[in-house]
Every structure is written in structure tokens, then in C-alpha cells.
Amino acid sequence: MRRLLSLLVILLLFVQTIRALEKRTYAYVQRDSLTLYMDHYISSITKEQRPAILFVFGGGFASGRRDSANYIPYFRFLVKNGYDVFSIDYRLGMKDVGKRSIFSYISLYNRTINNAAEDLLSAAAYIIENSQELGIDSKRIFASGSSAGAITCLQAEHRLINRKAITSLPENFNFKGIISFAGAIFSLHGRPGWKSEPCPVMFFHGDADSNVPYRKAAILGIGMFGPEILIKKWQRTGASVYFHTGKYRTHKLATEPMTKNQPEILNFLTMVDKDFKFNIHNVIWDPAYEKCNTRFSLRDFLSHDYSQTDDR
């Protein structure tokens, strides 16, 4: 009898684990002939207004899906802890891009990233406009992204802080916080400046990432600026930063922490929700990862094959 009860308990836990997430899908904006959708994963922890996390998938701005199976465990973890998740489409400006001159490529890449940021902010505006019906606390909207999605989140924050974003968002809107899995900011004018303090940001980044720079990949001030560069000015202004450096780790930190670092992520969300101030930098080195090159040229980053998804 005791064995039968144990088997029943295990079966119930298994059913609870595999039970489908409650999901609804909405069209949130029309861009020319393209309709962009978001999937809403709903937490049942409380019926009160819930915090929301806007998620942006990776794929080098060339591919990827909002409902990729790689991200579902992350969504399940967030929903289980009381956060609704909105996983969004955005314009993939690098899709089917052939060979171009460097100047043409820079122009296209700049437009692509800023279009993606604009789509993310439109998604935030949709949630705020419909917050009562969706059951969302409009003052507790986070953003999170993987690789190209993390770049999108950080670029959107930069546009908000520097008043470059033209949106229907409420005046002075900002994200409650951002979780960046291997993200950076693209700039045409050198190291990105900030007119005011950004929202709290959590970075996961490997210092041997040759897809998205941990430091920077720029020439004549044009290029990508990674977390090691970004946080230097933030720390002087007192902004809250939680920086997780993976020593000798590659672009796998664009997805791996979503399952392996969940307690750390929940700690960040809790501190931000309680309006704590913090400045944390954890450098994690596992002897299983041998020393390798951590310095890359602009050519190394440009040679990345963006026809392959970053969520593989």
C-alpha cells in the first residue's frame, strides 16, 4: 500500500510538471504588411494584478521563434513564481541578407536593432493599455532576452533613457528591470551615454563569447558595446547591476542560465521588486572549462553565421 501511495505521489508530481502552460495569443501591432503577435503565459499564483516579463527570442535578427521549445522551461519557472510572461514577435531585419558593403551592413544593422527595440516598446504599450483585462501591474513590467533579444532589450532601454523612443507609452515609463542573456548595445557614436540612471539590469555573459562581445567590437566608435563596458558608468551613478561573468564561457550563456541559474534570477527579481539597491559581480569559473581566447577582433564578430539561430 505504501509503495502504491509513493507511486501515486510521483505520478501527480510528473503530471504537474508536464501540464501545459496556460497560453493566449494576441496581435499587438501592425508593421506595414506584417502583424506581430505575442504569447501570454499566465500565472495562477494570484488573481491580483501580476508582474509581467516581456521576453525577446534570439537568432541574430535573422531567425528564431517566440515559442521555441528551448525557452519553455524558463517561462514555466517564471510563471510558477508569479510572473506572467509575454513572448513576442519582432521584425527580423537581417533575414535573407546577402553580401553587402560594410557601410550598407552597418546602416542595415542599426535600423534592424532599433526596429526590434521599437517593437518591444510597442509590446509594452499594448500590455499597459490592456493591463486591467490582462491582470498585469503596469508598474512591474520587466524585459528579458536571449542574444539578439537581449540586445533588443538593452537597446530599448537606451532609447527610453535618452528620450529617443517614439512610442505611445506613458511619459517617463521605464522597465522595472532587465535580464540580459548575452546582450550588448549597438552605437554609431562611441560608448553609449545615459541621460539618467537606467533600470536595474542583470547580465549573464561569457568572456569568451565571439558572437556578442563581452567587452566591445567597434571601429571609429561604431559597433557593439558589451556589459563590461556598459556597467562602468552605471556603477559610478549608483545604478543597480547584477553581473554574472562566465569565465572562458562562450555564447551558450545566451540560453543556459534560463535553466541552470534560476535561483539567481529569482533573487534578482525579488531584490528589484523590493526596490533594493545592489552592485553585484560574480565571476564564475568551472575547471571543466579550459582557458581559451577571450580577445576577439571586429572581424571575428562579423564572421558569425547569423543564418544559424542563437537558441540552438
C-alpha atoms as a PDB file:
ATOM      1  CA  MET A   1       0.000   0.000   0.000  1.00  0.00           C
ATOM      2  CA  ARG A   2       2.807   2.390   0.922  1.00  0.00           C
ATOM      3  CA  ARG A   3       4.522   1.654  -2.384  1.00  0.00           C
ATOM      4  CA  LEU A   4       1.296   2.360  -4.265  1.00  0.00           C
ATOM      5  CA  LEU A   5       0.911   5.724  -2.490  1.00  0.00           C
ATOM      6  CA  SER A   6       4.506   6.630  -3.348  1.00  0.00           C
ATOM      7  CA  LEU A   7       3.875   5.820  -6.996  1.00  0.00           C
ATOM      8  CA  LEU A   8       0.731   7.972  -6.962  1.00  0.00           C
ATOM      9  CA  VAL A   9       2.633  10.902  -5.480  1.00  0.00           C
ATOM     10  CA  ILE A  10       5.350  10.572  -8.136  1.00  0.00           C
ATOM     11  CA  LEU A  11       2.689  10.385 -10.858  1.00  0.00           C
ATOM     12  CA  LEU A  12       0.950  13.511  -9.557  1.00  0.00           C
ATOM     13  CA  LEU A  13       4.255  15.409  -9.468  1.00  0.00           C
ATOM     14  CA  PHE A  14       5.014  14.272 -13.016  1.00  0.00           C
ATOM     15  CA  VAL A  15       1.606  15.393 -14.260  1.00  0.00           C
ATOM     16  CA  GLN A  16       2.075  18.751 -12.536  1.00  0.00           C
ATOM     17  CA  THR A  17       5.461  19.157 -14.244  1.00  0.00           C
ATOM     18  CA  ILE A  18       4.311  18.394 -17.783  1.00  0.00           C
ATOM     19  CA  ARG A  19       0.954  20.174 -17.522  1.00  0.00           C
ATOM     20  CA  ALA A  20       0.648  22.647 -20.344  1.00  0.00           C
ATOM     21  CA  LEU A  21       1.124  26.287 -19.519  1.00  0.00           C
ATOM     22  CA  GLU A  22      -1.986  28.401 -19.907  1.00  0.00           C
ATOM     23  CA  LYS A  23      -1.322  30.461 -23.009  1.00  0.00           C
ATOM     24  CA  ARG A  24      -3.201  33.064 -25.008  1.00  0.00           C
ATOM     25  CA  THR A  25      -2.031  34.777 -28.190  1.00  0.00           C
ATOM     26  CA  TYR A  26      -2.691  38.381 -29.208  1.00  0.00           C
ATOM     27  CA  ALA A  27      -1.826  40.534 -32.209  1.00  0.00           C
ATOM     28  CA  TYR A  28      -0.142  43.546 -30.624  1.00  0.00           C
ATOM     29  CA  VAL A  29       0.936  45.750 -33.540  1.00  0.00           C
ATOM     30  CA  GLN A  30       0.843  46.060 -37.326  1.00  0.00           C
ATOM     31  CA  ARG A  31       4.087  46.977 -39.108  1.00  0.00           C
ATOM     32  CA  ASP A  32       3.390  47.669 -42.773  1.00  0.00           C
ATOM     33  CA  SER A  33       2.051  44.321 -44.036  1.00  0.00           C
ATOM     34  CA  LEU A  34       3.393  42.397 -41.030  1.00  0.00           C
ATOM     35  CA  THR A  35       1.274  41.547 -37.983  1.00  0.00           C
ATOM     36  CA  LEU A  36       3.292  40.910 -34.823  1.00  0.00           C
ATOM     37  CA  TYR A  37       1.968  38.551 -32.146  1.00  0.00           C
ATOM     38  CA  MET A  38       2.715  37.818 -28.509  1.00  0.00           C
ATOM     39  CA  ASP A  39       2.095  34.661 -26.487  1.00  0.00           C
ATOM     40  CA  HIS A  40       0.817  35.317 -22.967  1.00  0.00           C
ATOM     41  CA  TYR A  41       1.713  32.651 -20.384  1.00  0.00           C
ATOM     42  CA  ILE A  42      -0.462  33.209 -17.336  1.00  0.00           C
ATOM     43  CA  SER A  43       0.494  32.656 -13.706  1.00  0.00           C
ATOM     44  CA  SER A  44      -2.148  31.198 -11.417  1.00  0.00           C
ATOM     45  CA  ILE A  45      -0.294  32.156  -8.223  1.00  0.00           C
ATOM     46  CA  THR A  46      -2.582  35.121  -7.641  1.00  0.00           C
ATOM     47  CA  LYS A  47      -5.623  36.688  -9.252  1.00  0.00           C
ATOM     48  CA  GLU A  48      -4.445  40.161  -8.336  1.00  0.00           C
ATOM     49  CA  GLN A  49      -2.534  42.391 -10.774  1.00  0.00           C
ATOM     50  CA  ARG A  50       0.618  40.421 -11.549  1.00  0.00           C
ATOM     51  CA  PRO A  51       4.117  41.457 -12.638  1.00  0.00           C
ATOM     52  CA  ALA A  52       4.971  40.748 -16.280  1.00  0.00           C
ATOM     53  CA  ILE A  53       8.129  39.764 -18.114  1.00  0.00           C
ATOM     54  CA  LEU A  54       8.388  40.603 -21.803  1.00  0.00           C
ATOM     55  CA  PHE A  55      10.624  38.018 -23.477  1.00  0.00           C
ATOM     56  CA  VAL A  56      12.512  38.525 -26.762  1.00  0.00           C
ATOM     57  CA  PHE A  57      13.954  35.444 -28.503  1.00  0.00           C
ATOM     58  CA  GLY A  58      17.428  35.118 -30.066  1.00  0.00           C
ATOM     59  CA  GLY A  59      18.519  34.315 -33.588  1.00  0.00           C
ATOM     60  CA  GLY A  60      20.863  37.022 -34.845  1.00  0.00           C
ATOM     61  CA  PHE A  61      17.901  39.155 -36.019  1.00  0.00           C
ATOM     62  CA  ALA A  62      17.651  36.610 -38.845  1.00  0.00           C
ATOM     63  CA  SER A  63      15.666  33.724 -37.377  1.00  0.00           C
ATOM     64  CA  GLY A  64      14.100  32.329 -34.208  1.00  0.00           C
ATOM     65  CA  ARG A  65      10.595  31.867 -32.784  1.00  0.00           C
ATOM     66  CA  ARG A  66       8.710  33.296 -29.842  1.00  0.00           C
ATOM     67  CA  ASP A  67       7.551  29.767 -28.878  1.00  0.00           C
ATOM     68  CA  SER A  68      10.859  27.909 -29.240  1.00  0.00           C
ATOM     69  CA  ALA A  69      10.927  24.801 -27.046  1.00  0.00           C
ATOM     70  CA  ASN A  70      14.276  25.969 -25.605  1.00  0.00           C
ATOM     71  CA  TYR A  71      12.554  28.797 -23.748  1.00  0.00           C
ATOM     72  CA  ILE A  72       9.533  26.949 -22.312  1.00  0.00           C
ATOM     73  CA  PRO A  73      11.321  25.774 -19.102  1.00  0.00           C
ATOM     74  CA  TYR A  74      12.253  29.415 -18.429  1.00  0.00           C
ATOM     75  CA  PHE A  75       8.670  30.530 -18.968  1.00  0.00           C
ATOM     76  CA  ARG A  76       7.433  27.739 -16.683  1.00  0.00           C
ATOM     77  CA  PHE A  77       9.851  28.814 -13.943  1.00  0.00           C
ATOM     78  CA  LEU A  78       8.736  32.463 -14.150  1.00  0.00           C
ATOM     79  CA  VAL A  79       5.028  31.599 -14.202  1.00  0.00           C
ATOM     80  CA  LYS A  80       5.477  29.254 -11.221  1.00  0.00           C
ATOM     81  CA  ASN A  81       6.943  32.178  -9.271  1.00  0.00           C
ATOM     82  CA  GLY A  82       4.082  34.570 -10.013  1.00  0.00           C
ATOM     83  CA  TYR A  83       5.296  36.360 -13.154  1.00  0.00           C
ATOM     84  CA  ASP A  84       3.217  36.406 -16.327  1.00  0.00           C
ATOM     85  CA  VAL A  85       5.322  36.015 -19.480  1.00  0.00           C
ATOM     86  CA  PHE A  86       4.713  37.728 -22.820  1.00  0.00           C
ATOM     87  CA  SER A  87       6.921  36.217 -25.537  1.00  0.00           C
ATOM     88  CA  ILE A  88       6.852  38.463 -28.578  1.00  0.00           C
ATOM     89  CA  ASP A  89       7.449  38.525 -32.318  1.00  0.00           C
ATOM     90  CA  TYR A  90       9.617  41.319 -33.708  1.00  0.00           C
ATOM     91  CA  ARG A  91      10.894  42.322 -37.126  1.00  0.00           C
ATOM     92  CA  LEU A  92      13.865  40.233 -38.315  1.00  0.00           C
ATOM     93  CA  GLY A  93      15.759  42.778 -40.362  1.00  0.00           C
ATOM     94  CA  MET A  94      18.775  40.522 -41.046  1.00  0.00           C
ATOM     95  CA  LYS A  95      16.716  37.695 -42.532  1.00  0.00           C
ATOM     96  CA  ASP A  96      17.858  36.650 -46.037  1.00  0.00           C
ATOM     97  CA  VAL A  97      20.539  39.350 -46.128  1.00  0.00           C
ATOM     98  CA  GLY A  98      23.121  38.717 -48.831  1.00  0.00           C
ATOM     99  CA  LYS A  99      26.619  40.157 -49.174  1.00  0.00           C
ATOM    100  CA  ARG A 100      26.800  43.912 -48.650  1.00  0.00           C
ATOM    101  CA  SER A 101      29.391  46.620 -48.330  1.00  0.00           C
ATOM    102  CA  ILE A 102      30.454  47.345 -44.748  1.00  0.00           C
ATOM    103  CA  PHE A 103      28.693  50.747 -44.803  1.00  0.00           C
ATOM    104  CA  SER A 104      25.476  49.222 -46.127  1.00  0.00           C
ATOM    105  CA  TYR A 105      25.708  46.478 -43.487  1.00  0.00           C
ATOM    106  CA  ILE A 106      26.191  48.981 -40.646  1.00  0.00           C
ATOM    107  CA  SER A 107      23.177  51.002 -41.786  1.00  0.00           C
ATOM    108  CA  LEU A 108      21.004  47.895 -42.054  1.00  0.00           C
ATOM    109  CA  TYR A 109      22.141  46.526 -38.689  1.00  0.00           C
ATOM    110  CA  ASN A 110      21.482  49.838 -36.937  1.00  0.00           C
ATOM    111  CA  ARG A 111      17.991  50.020 -38.442  1.00  0.00           C
ATOM    112  CA  THR A 112      17.305  46.366 -37.607  1.00  0.00           C
ATOM    113  CA  ILE A 113      18.207  46.713 -33.926  1.00  0.00           C
ATOM    114  CA  ASN A 114      16.246  49.923 -33.466  1.00  0.00           C
ATOM    115  CA  ASN A 115      13.201  48.452 -35.256  1.00  0.00           C
ATOM    116  CA  ALA A 116      13.320  45.468 -32.888  1.00  0.00           C
ATOM    117  CA  ALA A 117      13.561  47.839 -29.904  1.00  0.00           C
ATOM    118  CA  GLU A 118      10.590  49.791 -31.262  1.00  0.00           C
ATOM    119  CA  ASP A 119       8.577  46.551 -31.496  1.00  0.00           C
ATOM    120  CA  LEU A 120       9.451  45.642 -27.905  1.00  0.00           C
ATOM    121  CA  LEU A 121       8.282  49.067 -26.689  1.00  0.00           C
ATOM    122  CA  SER A 122       5.064  48.680 -28.704  1.00  0.00           C
ATOM    123  CA  ALA A 123       4.501  45.366 -26.924  1.00  0.00           C
ATOM    124  CA  ALA A 124       4.970  47.112 -23.563  1.00  0.00           C
ATOM    125  CA  ALA A 125       2.482  49.790 -24.643  1.00  0.00           C
ATOM    126  CA  TYR A 126      -0.063  47.107 -25.596  1.00  0.00           C
ATOM    127  CA  ILE A 127       0.250  45.448 -22.177  1.00  0.00           C
ATOM    128  CA  ILE A 128      -0.138  48.743 -20.336  1.00  0.00           C
ATOM    129  CA  GLU A 129      -3.132  49.768 -22.436  1.00  0.00           C
ATOM    130  CA  ASN A 130      -4.808  46.432 -21.692  1.00  0.00           C
ATOM    131  CA  SER A 131      -3.400  45.873 -18.210  1.00  0.00           C
ATOM    132  CA  GLN A 132      -6.773  45.611 -16.462  1.00  0.00           C
ATOM    133  CA  GLU A 133      -8.061  42.923 -18.806  1.00  0.00           C
ATOM    134  CA  LEU A 134      -4.722  41.076 -18.769  1.00  0.00           C
ATOM    135  CA  GLY A 135      -4.392  41.240 -14.975  1.00  0.00           C
ATOM    136  CA  ILE A 136      -0.994  42.993 -15.125  1.00  0.00           C
ATOM    137  CA  ASP A 137       0.570  45.543 -12.778  1.00  0.00           C
ATOM    138  CA  SER A 138       1.737  48.154 -15.293  1.00  0.00           C
ATOM    139  CA  LYS A 139       4.441  49.405 -12.899  1.00  0.00           C
ATOM    140  CA  ARG A 140       6.103  45.979 -12.730  1.00  0.00           C
ATOM    141  CA  ILE A 141       6.941  45.193 -16.357  1.00  0.00           C
ATOM    142  CA  PHE A 142      10.350  43.564 -16.835  1.00  0.00           C
ATOM    143  CA  ALA A 143      12.142  42.746 -20.100  1.00  0.00           C
ATOM    144  CA  SER A 144      14.288  39.705 -20.772  1.00  0.00           C
ATOM    145  CA  GLY A 145      16.006  38.464 -23.910  1.00  0.00           C
ATOM    146  CA  SER A 146      18.471  35.989 -25.343  1.00  0.00           C
ATOM    147  CA  SER A 147      21.321  37.155 -27.611  1.00  0.00           C
ATOM    148  CA  ALA A 148      19.623  39.292 -30.312  1.00  0.00           C
ATOM    149  CA  GLY A 149      16.681  39.503 -27.906  1.00  0.00           C
ATOM    150  CA  ALA A 150      18.960  40.738 -25.105  1.00  0.00           C
ATOM    151  CA  ILE A 151      20.441  43.322 -27.483  1.00  0.00           C
ATOM    152  CA  THR A 152      16.870  44.419 -28.251  1.00  0.00           C
ATOM    153  CA  CYS A 153      16.041  44.851 -24.546  1.00  0.00           C
ATOM    154  CA  LEU A 154      19.177  46.875 -23.820  1.00  0.00           C
ATOM    155  CA  GLN A 155      18.738  48.988 -26.964  1.00  0.00           C
ATOM    156  CA  ALA A 156      15.149  49.743 -25.962  1.00  0.00           C
ATOM    157  CA  GLU A 157      16.314  50.824 -22.505  1.00  0.00           C
ATOM    158  CA  HIS A 158      18.950  53.084 -24.048  1.00  0.00           C
ATOM    159  CA  ARG A 159      16.325  54.710 -26.270  1.00  0.00           C
ATOM    160  CA  LEU A 160      13.956  55.215 -23.325  1.00  0.00           C
ATOM    161  CA  ILE A 161      16.588  56.779 -21.070  1.00  0.00           C
ATOM    162  CA  ASN A 162      17.870  59.070 -23.810  1.00  0.00           C
ATOM    163  CA  ARG A 163      14.366  60.065 -24.975  1.00  0.00           C
ATOM    164  CA  LYS A 164      14.917  58.602 -28.445  1.00  0.00           C
ATOM    165  CA  ALA A 165      11.907  56.316 -28.325  1.00  0.00           C
ATOM    166  CA  ILE A 166       8.758  57.488 -30.117  1.00  0.00           C
ATOM    167  CA  THR A 167       6.010  55.413 -28.539  1.00  0.00           C
ATOM    168  CA  SER A 168       2.531  55.551 -27.086  1.00  0.00           C
ATOM    169  CA  LEU A 169       3.941  54.578 -23.692  1.00  0.00           C
ATOM    170  CA  PRO A 170       3.105  56.726 -20.658  1.00  0.00           C
ATOM    171  CA  GLU A 171       5.520  59.587 -20.080  1.00  0.00           C
ATOM    172  CA  ASN A 172       8.577  58.538 -18.050  1.00  0.00           C
ATOM    173  CA  PHE A 173       7.789  54.828 -18.468  1.00  0.00           C
ATOM    174  CA  ASN A 174      10.691  52.507 -17.801  1.00  0.00           C
ATOM    175  CA  PHE A 175      11.058  48.793 -17.344  1.00  0.00           C
ATOM    176  CA  LYS A 176      11.122  47.578 -13.772  1.00  0.00           C
ATOM    177  CA  GLY A 177      14.265  45.632 -14.652  1.00  0.00           C
ATOM    178  CA  ILE A 178      16.028  43.793 -17.474  1.00  0.00           C
ATOM    179  CA  ILE A 179      17.528  40.293 -17.614  1.00  0.00           C
ATOM    180  CA  SER A 180      20.079  40.062 -20.436  1.00  0.00           C
ATOM    181  CA  PHE A 181      21.378  36.693 -21.613  1.00  0.00           C
ATOM    182  CA  ALA A 182      24.434  37.604 -23.741  1.00  0.00           C
ATOM    183  CA  GLY A 183      23.369  41.096 -24.780  1.00  0.00           C
ATOM    184  CA  ALA A 184      25.067  44.356 -25.763  1.00  0.00           C
ATOM    185  CA  ILE A 185      24.239  47.781 -27.218  1.00  0.00           C
ATOM    186  CA  PHE A 186      24.934  48.946 -30.766  1.00  0.00           C
ATOM    187  CA  SER A 187      26.148  52.519 -31.163  1.00  0.00           C
ATOM    188  CA  LEU A 188      27.188  54.765 -34.040  1.00  0.00           C
ATOM    189  CA  HIS A 189      28.688  57.339 -31.653  1.00  0.00           C
ATOM    190  CA  GLY A 190      31.110  55.536 -29.372  1.00  0.00           C
ATOM    191  CA  ARG A 191      30.445  54.298 -25.867  1.00  0.00           C
ATOM    192  CA  PRO A 192      26.690  54.649 -25.170  1.00  0.00           C
ATOM    193  CA  GLY A 193      25.794  57.623 -22.978  1.00  0.00           C
ATOM    194  CA  TRP A 194      22.934  57.850 -20.479  1.00  0.00           C
ATOM    195  CA  LYS A 195      20.937  60.972 -19.614  1.00  0.00           C
ATOM    196  CA  SER A 196      19.680  59.364 -16.415  1.00  0.00           C
ATOM    197  CA  GLU A 197      20.027  56.162 -14.422  1.00  0.00           C
ATOM    198  CA  PRO A 198      18.879  53.004 -16.252  1.00  0.00           C
ATOM    199  CA  CYS A 199      16.616  50.425 -14.647  1.00  0.00           C
ATOM    200  CA  PRO A 200      18.257  47.537 -12.726  1.00  0.00           C
ATOM    201  CA  VAL A 201      19.923  45.108 -15.142  1.00  0.00           C
ATOM    202  CA  MET A 202      21.051  41.506 -14.737  1.00  0.00           C
ATOM    203  CA  PHE A 203      23.728  40.389 -17.200  1.00  0.00           C
ATOM    204  CA  PHE A 204      24.763  36.831 -17.992  1.00  0.00           C
ATOM    205  CA  HIS A 205      27.728  36.813 -20.362  1.00  0.00           C
ATOM    206  CA  GLY A 206      30.710  34.619 -21.154  1.00  0.00           C
ATOM    207  CA  ASP A 207      34.045  36.394 -21.554  1.00  0.00           C
ATOM    208  CA  ALA A 208      34.884  34.033 -24.468  1.00  0.00           C
ATOM    209  CA  ASP A 209      31.723  34.901 -26.417  1.00  0.00           C
ATOM    210  CA  SER A 210      32.628  35.509 -30.072  1.00  0.00           C
ATOM    211  CA  ASN A 211      29.006  36.164 -31.145  1.00  0.00           C
ATOM    212  CA  VAL A 212      28.105  39.122 -28.906  1.00  0.00           C
ATOM    213  CA  PRO A 213      31.026  40.998 -27.317  1.00  0.00           C
ATOM    214  CA  TYR A 214      31.655  40.804 -23.596  1.00  0.00           C
ATOM    215  CA  ARG A 215      33.737  43.997 -23.923  1.00  0.00           C
ATOM    216  CA  LYS A 216      33.323  45.715 -27.285  1.00  0.00           C
ATOM    217  CA  ALA A 217      33.653  45.218 -31.016  1.00  0.00           C
ATOM    218  CA  ALA A 218      33.951  48.654 -32.608  1.00  0.00           C
ATOM    219  CA  ILE A 219      35.925  50.703 -35.071  1.00  0.00           C
ATOM    220  CA  LEU A 220      35.913  54.513 -35.176  1.00  0.00           C
ATOM    221  CA  GLY A 221      33.299  54.412 -32.401  1.00  0.00           C
ATOM    222  CA  ILE A 222      30.861  52.293 -34.423  1.00  0.00           C
ATOM    223  CA  GLY A 223      29.983  48.864 -33.066  1.00  0.00           C
ATOM    224  CA  MET A 224      28.769  46.752 -30.177  1.00  0.00           C
ATOM    225  CA  PHE A 225      29.440  47.563 -26.522  1.00  0.00           C
ATOM    226  CA  GLY A 226      29.102  44.698 -24.056  1.00  0.00           C
ATOM    227  CA  PRO A 227      28.389  44.585 -20.324  1.00  0.00           C
ATOM    228  CA  GLU A 228      31.965  45.096 -19.145  1.00  0.00           C
ATOM    229  CA  ILE A 229      31.933  48.487 -20.889  1.00  0.00           C
ATOM    230  CA  LEU A 230      28.322  49.406 -20.074  1.00  0.00           C
ATOM    231  CA  ILE A 231      28.416  48.899 -16.326  1.00  0.00           C
ATOM    232  CA  LYS A 232      31.475  51.074 -15.681  1.00  0.00           C
ATOM    233  CA  LYS A 233      29.480  54.286 -15.984  1.00  0.00           C
ATOM    234  CA  TRP A 234      26.385  52.788 -14.360  1.00  0.00           C
ATOM    235  CA  GLN A 235      28.315  51.856 -11.241  1.00  0.00           C
ATOM    236  CA  ARG A 236      29.524  55.456 -10.870  1.00  0.00           C
ATOM    237  CA  THR A 237      25.921  56.705 -10.995  1.00  0.00           C
ATOM    238  CA  GLY A 238      24.686  54.169  -8.447  1.00  0.00           C
ATOM    239  CA  ALA A 239      22.565  52.114 -10.855  1.00  0.00           C
ATOM    240  CA  SER A 240      21.746  48.585  -9.723  1.00  0.00           C
ATOM    241  CA  VAL A 241      23.663  45.906 -11.645  1.00  0.00           C
ATOM    242  CA  TYR A 242      23.839  42.140 -11.175  1.00  0.00           C
ATOM    243  CA  PHE A 243      26.658  40.906 -13.435  1.00  0.00           C
ATOM    244  CA  HIS A 244      27.329  37.185 -13.878  1.00  0.00           C
ATOM    245  CA  THR A 245      30.567  36.591 -15.794  1.00  0.00           C
ATOM    246  CA  GLY A 246      31.204  33.070 -17.085  1.00  0.00           C
ATOM    247  CA  LYS A 247      34.993  32.685 -17.215  1.00  0.00           C
ATOM    248  CA  TYR A 248      36.051  31.061 -20.509  1.00  0.00           C
ATOM    249  CA  ARG A 249      32.408  30.577 -21.399  1.00  0.00           C
ATOM    250  CA  THR A 250      31.022  31.074 -24.898  1.00  0.00           C
ATOM    251  CA  HIS A 251      27.677  32.144 -26.357  1.00  0.00           C
ATOM    252  CA  LYS A 252      25.995  29.242 -24.575  1.00  0.00           C
ATOM    253  CA  LEU A 253      25.198  31.719 -21.795  1.00  0.00           C
ATOM    254  CA  ALA A 254      22.559  33.100 -24.180  1.00  0.00           C
ATOM    255  CA  THR A 255      20.294  30.222 -23.082  1.00  0.00           C
ATOM    256  CA  GLU A 256      21.950  28.065 -20.418  1.00  0.00           C
ATOM    257  CA  PRO A 257      21.230  30.293 -17.364  1.00  0.00           C
ATOM    258  CA  MET A 258      17.473  30.082 -18.056  1.00  0.00           C
ATOM    259  CA  THR A 259      17.541  26.601 -16.526  1.00  0.00           C
ATOM    260  CA  LYS A 260      20.820  26.444 -14.581  1.00  0.00           C
ATOM    261  CA  ASN A 261      20.670  29.816 -12.789  1.00  0.00           C
ATOM    262  CA  GLN A 262      17.018  30.089 -11.851  1.00  0.00           C
ATOM    263  CA  PRO A 263      17.641  30.767  -8.113  1.00  0.00           C
ATOM    264  CA  GLU A 264      19.975  33.627  -9.091  1.00  0.00           C
ATOM    265  CA  ILE A 265      17.358  35.048 -11.471  1.00  0.00           C
ATOM    266  CA  LEU A 266      14.641  34.825  -8.822  1.00  0.00           C
ATOM    267  CA  ASN A 267      16.940  36.598  -6.339  1.00  0.00           C
ATOM    268  CA  PHE A 268      17.394  39.458  -8.826  1.00  0.00           C
ATOM    269  CA  LEU A 269      13.629  39.746  -9.453  1.00  0.00           C
ATOM    270  CA  THR A 270      12.924  39.748  -5.719  1.00  0.00           C
ATOM    271  CA  MET A 271      15.508  42.459  -4.975  1.00  0.00           C
ATOM    272  CA  VAL A 272      14.179  44.653  -7.779  1.00  0.00           C
ATOM    273  CA  ASP A 273      10.566  44.157  -6.716  1.00  0.00           C
ATOM    274  CA  LYS A 274      11.554  45.259  -3.197  1.00  0.00           C
ATOM    275  CA  ASP A 275      13.392  48.302  -4.623  1.00  0.00           C
ATOM    276  CA  PHE A 276      16.728  47.237  -3.137  1.00  0.00           C
ATOM    277  CA  LYS A 277      19.915  48.867  -4.430  1.00  0.00           C
ATOM    278  CA  PHE A 278      22.744  46.493  -5.317  1.00  0.00           C
ATOM    279  CA  ASN A 279      26.025  46.160  -7.194  1.00  0.00           C
ATOM    280  CA  ILE A 280      26.957  42.503  -7.650  1.00  0.00           C
ATOM    281  CA  HIS A 281      29.579  40.962  -9.914  1.00  0.00           C
ATOM    282  CA  ASN A 282      30.021  37.189  -9.733  1.00  0.00           C
ATOM    283  CA  VAL A 283      32.875  35.736 -11.776  1.00  0.00           C
ATOM    284  CA  ILE A 284      32.198  32.028 -12.164  1.00  0.00           C
ATOM    285  CA  TRP A 285      34.982  29.716 -13.297  1.00  0.00           C
ATOM    286  CA  ASP A 286      34.434  25.984 -13.587  1.00  0.00           C
ATOM    287  CA  PRO A 287      37.681  23.991 -14.008  1.00  0.00           C
ATOM    288  CA  ALA A 288      35.812  21.888 -16.566  1.00  0.00           C
ATOM    289  CA  TYR A 289      36.201  24.850 -18.961  1.00  0.00           C
ATOM    290  CA  GLU A 290      39.795  25.165 -20.081  1.00  0.00           C
ATOM    291  CA  LYS A 291      41.477  28.503 -20.647  1.00  0.00           C
ATOM    292  CA  CYS A 292      40.757  29.831 -24.122  1.00  0.00           C
ATOM    293  CA  ASN A 293      40.881  33.022 -26.171  1.00  0.00           C
ATOM    294  CA  THR A 294      38.836  35.865 -24.711  1.00  0.00           C
ATOM    295  CA  ARG A 295      40.037  38.626 -27.039  1.00  0.00           C
ATOM    296  CA  PHE A 296      38.375  38.957 -30.423  1.00  0.00           C
ATOM    297  CA  SER A 297      38.660  41.321 -33.361  1.00  0.00           C
ATOM    298  CA  LEU A 298      35.808  43.048 -35.145  1.00  0.00           C
ATOM    299  CA  ARG A 299      36.345  40.541 -37.968  1.00  0.00           C
ATOM    300  CA  ASP A 300      35.666  37.650 -35.563  1.00  0.00           C
ATOM    301  CA  PHE A 301      32.272  39.077 -34.637  1.00  0.00           C
ATOM    302  CA  LEU A 302      31.345  39.965 -38.209  1.00  0.00           C
ATOM    303  CA  SER A 303      32.180  36.429 -39.374  1.00  0.00           C
ATOM    304  CA  HIS A 304      29.468  34.941 -37.135  1.00  0.00           C
ATOM    305  CA  ASP A 305      26.934  32.971 -39.197  1.00  0.00           C
ATOM    306  CA  TYR A 306      23.663  34.762 -38.490  1.00  0.00           C
ATOM    307  CA  SER A 307      21.748  32.246 -40.609  1.00  0.00           C
ATOM    308  CA  GLN A 308      22.021  29.949 -37.600  1.00  0.00           C
ATOM    309  CA  THR A 309      19.760  30.591 -34.622  1.00  0.00           C
ATOM    310  CA  ASP A 310      21.327  31.575 -31.328  1.00  0.00           C
ATOM    311  CA  ASP A 311      18.828  29.419 -29.419  1.00  0.00           C
ATOM    312  CA  ARG A 312      20.266  26.135 -30.696  1.00  0.00           C
END
